[in-house]
Protein backbone atom coordinates (compact mmCIF):
# COMPACT_ATOMS: atom_id res chain seq x y z
CA UNK A 1 40.71 -0.38 -9.01
CA UNK A 2 39.68 -1.46 -5.51
CA UNK A 3 37.77 -4.61 -4.87
CA UNK A 4 34.60 -4.52 -2.79
CA UNK A 5 36.46 -6.01 0.18
CA UNK A 6 39.15 -3.34 -0.01
CA UNK A 7 36.51 -0.63 -0.20
CA UNK A 8 34.75 -2.01 2.88
CA UNK A 9 38.07 -2.03 4.76
CA UNK A 10 38.73 1.58 3.78
CA UNK A 11 35.28 2.65 5.01
CA UNK A 12 35.87 0.81 8.29
CA UNK A 13 39.11 2.75 8.76
CA UNK A 14 37.55 6.11 7.94
CA UNK A 15 34.38 5.49 9.97
CA UNK A 16 35.56 3.21 12.80
CA UNK A 17 32.54 3.47 15.13
CA UNK A 18 29.48 1.36 14.51
CA UNK A 19 26.13 1.83 16.19
CA UNK A 20 25.16 -1.84 16.48
CA UNK A 21 21.48 -1.06 17.09
CA UNK A 22 21.09 1.25 14.07
CA UNK A 23 23.67 -0.50 11.86
CA UNK A 24 25.34 2.82 10.95
CA UNK A 25 29.02 3.76 10.87
CA UNK A 26 30.41 7.01 12.24
CA UNK A 27 33.64 8.89 12.70
CA UNK A 28 34.43 11.20 15.61
CA UNK A 29 34.55 14.83 14.51
CA UNK A 30 35.06 16.60 17.82
CA UNK A 31 34.57 16.37 21.57
CA UNK A 32 33.63 19.28 23.82
CA UNK A 33 32.05 19.65 27.24
CA UNK A 34 31.10 15.99 27.57
CA UNK A 35 29.53 15.77 24.11
CA UNK A 36 30.94 14.05 21.05
CA UNK A 37 30.08 15.03 17.51
CA UNK A 38 29.88 12.05 15.18
CA UNK A 39 29.55 12.08 11.41
CA UNK A 40 27.72 9.32 9.58
CA UNK A 41 28.96 8.04 6.22
CA UNK A 42 26.16 10.08 4.59
CA UNK A 43 27.56 13.24 6.21
CA UNK A 44 24.76 13.66 8.74
CA UNK A 45 26.01 14.88 12.15
CA UNK A 46 24.98 13.24 15.39
CA UNK A 47 25.68 14.49 18.90
CA UNK A 48 25.98 12.05 21.78
CA UNK A 49 27.17 12.16 25.36
CA UNK A 50 30.80 11.05 25.39
CA UNK A 51 30.13 8.61 28.24
CA UNK A 52 27.44 6.90 26.14
CA UNK A 53 30.18 5.69 23.78
CA UNK A 54 31.30 3.27 26.50
CA UNK A 55 28.08 1.24 26.16
CA UNK A 56 29.35 -2.00 24.59
CA UNK A 57 25.81 -3.06 23.70
CA UNK A 58 25.55 -0.14 21.28
CA UNK A 59 29.02 0.95 20.14
CA UNK A 60 31.73 -1.11 18.50
CA UNK A 61 35.04 -0.24 16.83
CA UNK A 62 35.71 -1.55 13.32
CA UNK A 63 38.14 -4.10 14.72
CA UNK A 64 35.31 -5.70 16.74
CA UNK A 65 36.26 -4.27 20.12
CA UNK A 66 34.00 -2.08 22.21
CA UNK A 67 34.80 1.60 22.54
CA UNK A 68 37.03 2.29 25.57
């Protein structure tokens, strides 16, 4: 059985992007024509301009680095 810490680490690996303003985690589903489809842990899709992912004030990878 996984501990709570291990579970949190697994979620961070599966959903590596964090919207720092909203406090939600996402994974990248697809990218097409300058748009990126993200999926929240709850399964809700979100579409965002791919260039917007470079905003370090909003987006962060699970390892604490900004999205490149």
